């Protein structure tokens, strides 16, 4: 099963060199152990554009879709045999990036 591990941050600063080194090592581990699917960091919420295409014409708004102190700073998509393994990996990822994370399984369709 695949899991989305969202990295939660509350400051606009980027990862420190030490945090980046730990993240790189964690990414290498995920790849080596076969859990890696995809990962990425995201620009700050100030770079976001919200698009609402539900009306006759799409409405474009600068900024994040919610005003909040915390935001999604990055993510991992992992392939794990079960939630327990995903949670353990996410705990290690949280330690590596020095930020809180949220784990959510992908829906099976």
C-alpha atoms as a PDB file:
ATOM      1  CA  UNK A   1       0.000   0.000   0.000  1.00  0.00           C
ATOM      2  CA  UNK A   2       1.156   3.542  -0.651  1.00  0.00           C
ATOM      3  CA  UNK A   3       1.233   6.252   1.998  1.00  0.00           C
ATOM      4  CA  UNK A   4       1.558  10.026   1.755  1.00  0.00           C
ATOM      5  CA  UNK A   5       3.829  11.430   4.440  1.00  0.00           C
ATOM      6  CA  UNK A   6       3.298  15.201   4.567  1.00  0.00           C
ATOM      7  CA  UNK A   7       5.956  17.401   6.146  1.00  0.00           C
ATOM      8  CA  UNK A   8       4.393  20.133   8.285  1.00  0.00           C
ATOM      9  CA  UNK A   9       6.272  23.382   8.928  1.00  0.00           C
ATOM     10  CA  UNK A  10       5.430  26.704  10.541  1.00  0.00           C
ATOM     11  CA  UNK A  11       8.283  28.972   9.424  1.00  0.00           C
ATOM     12  CA  UNK A  12       9.334  30.212   5.998  1.00  0.00           C
ATOM     13  CA  UNK A  13      12.968  29.166   6.494  1.00  0.00           C
ATOM     14  CA  UNK A  14      14.448  26.355   4.465  1.00  0.00           C
ATOM     15  CA  UNK A  15      16.073  23.238   5.837  1.00  0.00           C
ATOM     16  CA  UNK A  16      19.522  23.767   7.314  1.00  0.00           C
ATOM     17  CA  UNK A  17      22.526  22.052   5.699  1.00  0.00           C
ATOM     18  CA  UNK A  18      22.482  19.452   8.506  1.00  0.00           C
ATOM     19  CA  UNK A  19      18.749  18.816   7.975  1.00  0.00           C
ATOM     20  CA  UNK A  20      19.282  18.484   4.204  1.00  0.00           C
ATOM     21  CA  UNK A  21      22.073  15.956   4.783  1.00  0.00           C
ATOM     22  CA  UNK A  22      19.787  13.936   7.097  1.00  0.00           C
ATOM     23  CA  UNK A  23      16.935  14.122   4.559  1.00  0.00           C
ATOM     24  CA  UNK A  24      19.261  12.965   1.771  1.00  0.00           C
ATOM     25  CA  UNK A  25      20.430  10.029   3.908  1.00  0.00           C
ATOM     26  CA  UNK A  26      16.809   9.126   4.731  1.00  0.00           C
ATOM     27  CA  UNK A  27      15.870   9.313   1.027  1.00  0.00           C
ATOM     28  CA  UNK A  28      18.803   7.034   0.179  1.00  0.00           C
ATOM     29  CA  UNK A  29      17.619   4.567   2.832  1.00  0.00           C
ATOM     30  CA  UNK A  30      14.052   4.564   1.449  1.00  0.00           C
ATOM     31  CA  UNK A  31      15.397   3.846  -2.024  1.00  0.00           C
ATOM     32  CA  UNK A  32      17.806   1.138  -0.864  1.00  0.00           C
ATOM     33  CA  UNK A  33      15.152  -0.633   1.234  1.00  0.00           C
ATOM     34  CA  UNK A  34      12.487  -0.460  -1.506  1.00  0.00           C
ATOM     35  CA  UNK A  35      10.037   1.953   0.176  1.00  0.00           C
ATOM     36  CA  UNK A  36      10.694   4.923  -2.137  1.00  0.00           C
ATOM     37  CA  UNK A  37       8.029   5.997  -4.620  1.00  0.00           C
ATOM     38  CA  UNK A  38       8.465   9.762  -4.879  1.00  0.00           C
ATOM     39  CA  UNK A  39       9.311  12.780  -2.725  1.00  0.00           C
ATOM     40  CA  UNK A  40       9.668  16.510  -3.021  1.00  0.00           C
ATOM     41  CA  UNK A  41       9.946  19.794  -1.223  1.00  0.00           C
ATOM     42  CA  UNK A  42       7.537  22.641  -1.884  1.00  0.00           C
ATOM     43  CA  UNK A  43       8.025  26.393  -2.215  1.00  0.00           C
ATOM     44  CA  UNK A  44       6.601  28.605   0.517  1.00  0.00           C
ATOM     45  CA  UNK A  45       2.833  29.224   0.645  1.00  0.00           C
ATOM     46  CA  UNK A  46       3.473  32.729  -0.715  1.00  0.00           C
ATOM     47  CA  UNK A  47       4.253  31.095  -4.080  1.00  0.00           C
ATOM     48  CA  UNK A  48       0.882  29.285  -4.202  1.00  0.00           C
ATOM     49  CA  UNK A  49      -2.012  29.989  -6.544  1.00  0.00           C
ATOM     50  CA  UNK A  50      -5.477  28.661  -5.792  1.00  0.00           C
ATOM     51  CA  UNK A  51      -7.690  27.893  -8.794  1.00  0.00           C
ATOM     52  CA  UNK A  52     -11.440  27.426  -8.549  1.00  0.00           C
ATOM     53  CA  UNK A  53     -12.706  26.042 -11.846  1.00  0.00           C
ATOM     54  CA  UNK A  54     -16.192  25.183 -10.644  1.00  0.00           C
ATOM     55  CA  UNK A  55     -17.842  28.219 -12.197  1.00  0.00           C
ATOM     56  CA  UNK A  56     -18.224  29.344 -15.786  1.00  0.00           C
ATOM     57  CA  UNK A  57     -14.717  30.792 -15.699  1.00  0.00           C
ATOM     58  CA  UNK A  58     -11.820  29.730 -13.505  1.00  0.00           C
ATOM     59  CA  UNK A  59     -11.009  32.034 -10.610  1.00  0.00           C
ATOM     60  CA  UNK A  60      -7.295  32.444  -9.778  1.00  0.00           C
ATOM     61  CA  UNK A  61      -6.235  33.688  -6.331  1.00  0.00           C
ATOM     62  CA  UNK A  62      -2.677  34.291  -5.127  1.00  0.00           C
ATOM     63  CA  UNK A  63      -1.609  32.645  -1.899  1.00  0.00           C
ATOM     64  CA  UNK A  64      -2.443  29.485   0.007  1.00  0.00           C
ATOM     65  CA  UNK A  65      -5.969  28.069   0.086  1.00  0.00           C
ATOM     66  CA  UNK A  66      -6.168  28.537   3.860  1.00  0.00           C
ATOM     67  CA  UNK A  67      -4.648  31.149   6.128  1.00  0.00           C
ATOM     68  CA  UNK A  68      -2.807  29.173   8.762  1.00  0.00           C
ATOM     69  CA  UNK A  69       0.447  29.199  10.685  1.00  0.00           C
ATOM     70  CA  UNK A  70       1.388  25.714   9.468  1.00  0.00           C
ATOM     71  CA  UNK A  71       1.744  24.594   5.887  1.00  0.00           C
ATOM     72  CA  UNK A  72       2.796  21.638   3.742  1.00  0.00           C
ATOM     73  CA  UNK A  73       6.551  22.000   3.228  1.00  0.00           C
ATOM     74  CA  UNK A  74       7.210  18.728   1.423  1.00  0.00           C
ATOM     75  CA  UNK A  75       6.206  15.107   1.185  1.00  0.00           C
ATOM     76  CA  UNK A  76       7.193  11.521   0.647  1.00  0.00           C
ATOM     77  CA  UNK A  77       5.137   8.878  -1.087  1.00  0.00           C
ATOM     78  CA  UNK A  78       6.165   5.510   0.320  1.00  0.00           C
ATOM     79  CA  UNK A  79       5.288   1.938  -0.499  1.00  0.00           C
ATOM     80  CA  UNK A  80       4.983  -0.058   2.730  1.00  0.00           C
ATOM     81  CA  UNK A  81       3.457  -3.460   3.507  1.00  0.00           C
ATOM     82  CA  UNK A  82       1.262  -2.017   6.288  1.00  0.00           C
ATOM     83  CA  UNK A  83       0.519   1.034   8.400  1.00  0.00           C
ATOM     84  CA  UNK A  84       2.894   0.010  11.183  1.00  0.00           C
ATOM     85  CA  UNK A  85       5.859   0.048   8.800  1.00  0.00           C
ATOM     86  CA  UNK A  86       4.700   3.349   7.269  1.00  0.00           C
ATOM     87  CA  UNK A  87       4.426   4.934  10.726  1.00  0.00           C
ATOM     88  CA  UNK A  88       7.919   3.771  11.702  1.00  0.00           C
ATOM     89  CA  UNK A  89       9.360   5.129   8.464  1.00  0.00           C
ATOM     90  CA  UNK A  90       7.460   8.404   8.940  1.00  0.00           C
ATOM     91  CA  UNK A  91       8.884   8.748  12.462  1.00  0.00           C
ATOM     92  CA  UNK A  92      12.368   8.354  11.005  1.00  0.00           C
ATOM     93  CA  UNK A  93      11.528  10.921   8.306  1.00  0.00           C
ATOM     94  CA  UNK A  94      10.256  13.353  10.937  1.00  0.00           C
ATOM     95  CA  UNK A  95      13.538  12.999  12.794  1.00  0.00           C
ATOM     96  CA  UNK A  96      15.548  13.456   9.588  1.00  0.00           C
ATOM     97  CA  UNK A  97      13.795  16.667   8.505  1.00  0.00           C
ATOM     98  CA  UNK A  98      13.295  17.956  12.064  1.00  0.00           C
ATOM     99  CA  UNK A  99       9.612  18.670  11.431  1.00  0.00           C
ATOM    100  CA  UNK A 100       6.266  17.076  12.243  1.00  0.00           C
ATOM    101  CA  UNK A 101       4.741  14.804   9.612  1.00  0.00           C
ATOM    102  CA  UNK A 102       1.297  13.415   8.865  1.00  0.00           C
ATOM    103  CA  UNK A 103       0.742   9.922   7.419  1.00  0.00           C
ATOM    104  CA  UNK A 104      -2.260   9.117   5.223  1.00  0.00           C
ATOM    105  CA  UNK A 105      -2.853   5.987   3.174  1.00  0.00           C
ATOM    106  CA  UNK A 106      -3.873   6.346  -0.447  1.00  0.00           C
ATOM    107  CA  UNK A 107      -7.390   5.144  -1.146  1.00  0.00           C
ATOM    108  CA  UNK A 108      -7.595   1.902  -3.039  1.00  0.00           C
ATOM    109  CA  UNK A 109      -9.850   2.429  -6.051  1.00  0.00           C
END
